[in-house]
Amino acid sequence: MAAGSPASAARRGVQPQQQGPPKFLINPRVAAPTPQKTYAGAGYVNSGILFAPGTPGNPPTSYALTFTKRGTYTYTCVVHDALGMRGTIVVK
């Protein structure tokens, strides 16, 4: 806006929000656990989505995976990757 010009009002529309919890935006195929319980360093393993203990409905709260080779392995939280939720597992 240039100095000295009159202010103009703009109309803005408001969209009502759907009631209930927000939509789950993760592809179910990405969120589903993979069947293997051992990992040798190749391929992809997914624990599925894990929840805090005490979550209603008794959803999964933990995941066990056996590493068959020594090494450093990285993992990513699919839900919180944009927030930097990643880690490293060192198997000696």
N, C-alpha and C. Protein backbone atom coordinates (compact mmCIF):
# COMPACT_ATOMS: atom_id res chain seq x y z
N MET A 1 0.85 -1.16 0.00
CA MET A 1 0.00 0.00 0.00
C MET A 1 0.90 1.22 0.00
N ALA A 2 0.61 2.14 -0.83
CA ALA A 2 1.39 3.38 -0.91
C ALA A 2 0.99 4.30 0.23
N ALA A 3 1.95 5.08 0.69
CA ALA A 3 1.65 6.03 1.77
C ALA A 3 0.61 7.02 1.30
N GLY A 4 -0.35 7.29 2.14
CA GLY A 4 -1.36 8.28 1.83
C GLY A 4 -2.56 7.73 1.07
N SER A 5 -2.52 6.46 0.64
CA SER A 5 -3.68 5.92 -0.05
C SER A 5 -4.68 5.37 0.97
N PRO A 6 -5.95 5.39 0.65
CA PRO A 6 -6.93 4.89 1.60
C PRO A 6 -6.80 3.38 1.77
N ALA A 7 -7.06 2.90 2.95
CA ALA A 7 -7.03 1.47 3.24
C ALA A 7 -8.22 0.81 2.58
N SER A 8 -8.02 -0.36 2.07
CA SER A 8 -9.14 -1.08 1.47
C SER A 8 -9.42 -2.34 2.28
N ALA A 9 -10.67 -2.63 2.43
CA ALA A 9 -11.07 -3.83 3.17
C ALA A 9 -11.31 -4.95 2.17
N ALA A 10 -10.85 -6.11 2.48
CA ALA A 10 -11.06 -7.27 1.61
C ALA A 10 -11.95 -8.26 2.34
N ARG A 11 -12.88 -8.84 1.63
CA ARG A 11 -13.74 -9.86 2.22
C ARG A 11 -13.03 -11.20 2.13
N ARG A 12 -13.10 -11.93 3.17
CA ARG A 12 -12.50 -13.26 3.20
C ARG A 12 -13.58 -14.27 3.56
N GLY A 13 -13.56 -15.39 2.90
CA GLY A 13 -14.50 -16.45 3.23
C GLY A 13 -13.95 -17.33 4.33
N VAL A 14 -14.82 -17.87 5.12
CA VAL A 14 -14.44 -18.78 6.18
C VAL A 14 -15.08 -20.12 5.89
N GLN A 15 -14.26 -21.14 5.83
CA GLN A 15 -14.78 -22.48 5.58
C GLN A 15 -14.95 -23.20 6.91
N PRO A 16 -16.13 -23.74 7.18
CA PRO A 16 -16.32 -24.48 8.43
C PRO A 16 -15.46 -25.74 8.43
N GLN A 17 -14.98 -26.09 9.58
CA GLN A 17 -14.17 -27.30 9.73
C GLN A 17 -15.08 -28.48 10.02
N GLN A 18 -14.71 -29.62 9.48
CA GLN A 18 -15.46 -30.83 9.73
C GLN A 18 -15.32 -31.20 11.21
N GLN A 19 -16.40 -31.67 11.80
CA GLN A 19 -16.36 -32.07 13.20
C GLN A 19 -15.59 -33.37 13.35
N GLY A 20 -15.04 -33.59 14.51
CA GLY A 20 -14.32 -34.82 14.77
C GLY A 20 -12.83 -34.64 14.61
N PRO A 21 -12.08 -35.75 14.76
CA PRO A 21 -10.62 -35.67 14.67
C PRO A 21 -10.18 -35.34 13.26
N PRO A 22 -8.98 -34.79 13.13
CA PRO A 22 -8.47 -34.49 11.79
C PRO A 22 -8.30 -35.76 10.97
N LYS A 23 -8.33 -35.63 9.67
CA LYS A 23 -8.15 -36.78 8.79
C LYS A 23 -6.74 -37.33 8.93
N PHE A 24 -6.62 -38.62 8.82
CA PHE A 24 -5.33 -39.30 8.88
C PHE A 24 -4.74 -39.24 7.48
N LEU A 25 -3.63 -38.55 7.31
CA LEU A 25 -3.11 -38.26 5.98
C LEU A 25 -1.97 -39.17 5.53
N ILE A 26 -1.79 -40.29 6.20
CA ILE A 26 -0.70 -41.20 5.83
C ILE A 26 -1.28 -42.34 5.00
N ASN A 27 -0.62 -42.65 3.92
CA ASN A 27 -1.03 -43.75 3.07
C ASN A 27 -1.04 -45.04 3.90
N PRO A 28 -2.17 -45.76 3.95
CA PRO A 28 -2.24 -46.98 4.76
C PRO A 28 -1.21 -48.03 4.37
N ARG A 29 -0.82 -48.09 3.09
CA ARG A 29 0.20 -49.06 2.68
C ARG A 29 1.55 -48.73 3.28
N VAL A 30 1.82 -47.46 3.51
CA VAL A 30 3.08 -47.05 4.14
C VAL A 30 3.02 -47.30 5.64
N ALA A 31 1.85 -47.15 6.22
CA ALA A 31 1.70 -47.28 7.67
C ALA A 31 1.57 -48.72 8.13
N ALA A 32 1.25 -49.64 7.24
CA ALA A 32 1.06 -51.04 7.63
C ALA A 32 2.39 -51.70 7.94
N PRO A 33 2.43 -52.53 8.98
CA PRO A 33 3.69 -53.21 9.30
C PRO A 33 4.06 -54.24 8.24
N THR A 34 5.36 -54.40 8.04
CA THR A 34 5.85 -55.46 7.16
C THR A 34 5.94 -56.74 7.99
N PRO A 35 5.83 -57.92 7.36
CA PRO A 35 5.75 -59.16 8.13
C PRO A 35 7.05 -59.63 8.76
N GLN A 36 8.20 -59.24 8.22
CA GLN A 36 9.45 -59.79 8.75
C GLN A 36 9.79 -59.24 10.13
N LYS A 37 10.45 -60.10 10.91
CA LYS A 37 10.87 -59.73 12.26
C LYS A 37 12.39 -59.77 12.41
N THR A 38 13.10 -60.00 11.28
CA THR A 38 14.56 -59.95 11.28
C THR A 38 14.99 -59.03 10.14
N TYR A 39 16.18 -58.45 10.30
CA TYR A 39 16.69 -57.52 9.30
C TYR A 39 18.18 -57.73 9.12
N ALA A 40 18.61 -57.92 7.85
CA ALA A 40 20.01 -58.16 7.54
C ALA A 40 20.67 -56.98 6.86
N GLY A 41 19.99 -55.84 6.79
CA GLY A 41 20.60 -54.65 6.23
C GLY A 41 20.14 -54.27 4.84
N ALA A 42 19.29 -55.06 4.23
CA ALA A 42 18.80 -54.74 2.89
C ALA A 42 17.27 -54.69 2.90
N GLY A 43 16.73 -53.83 2.07
CA GLY A 43 15.28 -53.75 1.99
C GLY A 43 14.68 -52.77 2.98
N TYR A 44 13.43 -52.99 3.26
CA TYR A 44 12.64 -52.04 4.04
C TYR A 44 11.85 -52.79 5.09
N VAL A 45 11.85 -52.30 6.30
CA VAL A 45 11.06 -52.88 7.39
C VAL A 45 10.22 -51.77 7.99
N ASN A 46 8.97 -52.07 8.29
CA ASN A 46 8.07 -51.08 8.86
C ASN A 46 7.38 -51.67 10.08
N SER A 47 7.46 -50.97 11.21
CA SER A 47 6.81 -51.42 12.44
C SER A 47 5.32 -51.18 12.41
N GLY A 48 4.86 -50.35 11.49
CA GLY A 48 3.47 -49.89 11.56
C GLY A 48 3.42 -48.73 12.54
N ILE A 49 2.28 -48.15 12.70
CA ILE A 49 2.15 -47.02 13.61
C ILE A 49 2.01 -47.53 15.03
N LEU A 50 2.82 -46.98 15.93
CA LEU A 50 2.80 -47.36 17.34
C LEU A 50 2.18 -46.24 18.16
N PHE A 51 1.55 -46.61 19.25
CA PHE A 51 0.84 -45.65 20.09
C PHE A 51 1.40 -45.69 21.50
N ALA A 52 1.09 -44.68 22.27
CA ALA A 52 1.50 -44.63 23.68
C ALA A 52 0.73 -45.69 24.46
N PRO A 53 1.40 -46.33 25.45
CA PRO A 53 0.68 -47.27 26.29
C PRO A 53 -0.54 -46.60 26.92
N GLY A 54 -1.63 -47.34 27.03
CA GLY A 54 -2.85 -46.80 27.62
C GLY A 54 -3.79 -46.16 26.61
N THR A 55 -3.39 -46.14 25.33
CA THR A 55 -4.27 -45.57 24.30
C THR A 55 -5.52 -46.44 24.20
N PRO A 56 -6.70 -45.84 24.20
CA PRO A 56 -7.94 -46.62 24.12
C PRO A 56 -7.97 -47.52 22.88
N GLY A 57 -8.52 -48.71 23.06
CA GLY A 57 -8.63 -49.66 21.95
C GLY A 57 -7.46 -50.62 21.87
N ASN A 58 -6.47 -50.47 22.73
CA ASN A 58 -5.28 -51.34 22.76
C ASN A 58 -4.57 -51.46 21.41
N PRO A 59 -4.24 -50.34 20.76
CA PRO A 59 -3.45 -50.42 19.52
C PRO A 59 -2.02 -50.84 19.86
N PRO A 60 -1.22 -51.23 18.86
CA PRO A 60 0.16 -51.64 19.13
C PRO A 60 0.98 -50.52 19.79
N THR A 61 1.78 -50.90 20.79
CA THR A 61 2.60 -49.92 21.51
C THR A 61 4.09 -50.19 21.39
N SER A 62 4.46 -51.34 20.82
CA SER A 62 5.88 -51.65 20.68
C SER A 62 6.08 -52.55 19.46
N TYR A 63 7.34 -52.70 19.08
CA TYR A 63 7.69 -53.51 17.92
C TYR A 63 9.07 -54.09 18.17
N ALA A 64 9.24 -55.38 17.91
CA ALA A 64 10.54 -56.04 18.09
C ALA A 64 11.10 -56.44 16.73
N LEU A 65 12.37 -56.15 16.53
CA LEU A 65 13.06 -56.50 15.29
C LEU A 65 14.45 -57.00 15.65
N THR A 66 14.84 -58.14 15.10
CA THR A 66 16.17 -58.71 15.34
C THR A 66 17.08 -58.36 14.16
N PHE A 67 18.22 -57.75 14.47
CA PHE A 67 19.21 -57.43 13.45
C PHE A 67 20.18 -58.61 13.36
N THR A 68 20.38 -59.13 12.16
CA THR A 68 21.22 -60.32 11.99
C THR A 68 22.66 -59.99 11.64
N LYS A 69 22.96 -58.72 11.39
CA LYS A 69 24.32 -58.30 11.07
C LYS A 69 24.70 -57.07 11.87
N ARG A 70 25.99 -56.98 12.20
CA ARG A 70 26.49 -55.78 12.86
C ARG A 70 26.41 -54.60 11.91
N GLY A 71 26.30 -53.42 12.48
CA GLY A 71 26.28 -52.23 11.64
C GLY A 71 25.51 -51.09 12.27
N THR A 72 25.43 -50.01 11.56
CA THR A 72 24.68 -48.83 11.99
C THR A 72 23.48 -48.70 11.07
N TYR A 73 22.31 -48.64 11.66
CA TYR A 73 21.06 -48.59 10.91
C TYR A 73 20.30 -47.33 11.30
N THR A 74 19.74 -46.68 10.31
CA THR A 74 18.93 -45.49 10.58
C THR A 74 17.46 -45.84 10.46
N TYR A 75 16.64 -45.11 11.20
CA TYR A 75 15.20 -45.29 11.08
C TYR A 75 14.52 -43.93 11.08
N THR A 76 13.31 -43.91 10.56
CA THR A 76 12.53 -42.69 10.43
C THR A 76 11.11 -42.95 10.91
N CYS A 77 10.56 -42.02 11.67
CA CYS A 77 9.15 -42.08 12.03
C CYS A 77 8.37 -41.51 10.85
N VAL A 78 7.56 -42.34 10.20
CA VAL A 78 6.82 -41.90 9.03
C VAL A 78 5.86 -40.76 9.38
N VAL A 79 5.28 -40.82 10.56
CA VAL A 79 4.31 -39.80 10.98
C VAL A 79 4.99 -38.46 11.25
N HIS A 80 6.17 -38.49 11.85
CA HIS A 80 6.83 -37.26 12.30
C HIS A 80 8.13 -36.94 11.56
N ASP A 81 8.32 -37.49 10.38
CA ASP A 81 9.55 -37.26 9.62
C ASP A 81 9.79 -35.78 9.37
N ALA A 82 8.74 -35.03 9.06
CA ALA A 82 8.90 -33.59 8.79
C ALA A 82 9.40 -32.83 10.01
N LEU A 83 9.21 -33.41 11.20
CA LEU A 83 9.69 -32.79 12.43
C LEU A 83 11.08 -33.27 12.80
N GLY A 84 11.66 -34.12 11.96
CA GLY A 84 13.01 -34.60 12.21
C GLY A 84 13.08 -35.82 13.11
N MET A 85 12.00 -36.55 13.28
CA MET A 85 12.02 -37.71 14.16
C MET A 85 12.65 -38.88 13.43
N ARG A 86 13.97 -38.99 13.63
CA ARG A 86 14.78 -40.05 13.04
C ARG A 86 15.78 -40.50 14.09
N GLY A 87 16.31 -41.68 13.91
CA GLY A 87 17.28 -42.16 14.88
C GLY A 87 18.24 -43.15 14.25
N THR A 88 19.15 -43.62 15.07
CA THR A 88 20.17 -44.57 14.64
C THR A 88 20.24 -45.71 15.65
N ILE A 89 20.38 -46.92 15.14
CA ILE A 89 20.58 -48.10 15.97
C ILE A 89 21.95 -48.66 15.61
N VAL A 90 22.78 -48.90 16.61
CA VAL A 90 24.12 -49.46 16.39
C VAL A 90 24.10 -50.89 16.93
N VAL A 91 24.40 -51.85 16.06
CA VAL A 91 24.46 -53.26 16.43
C VAL A 91 25.92 -53.67 16.43
N LYS A 92 26.41 -54.12 17.59
CA LYS A 92 27.82 -54.52 17.72
C LYS A 92 27.97 -56.02 17.80
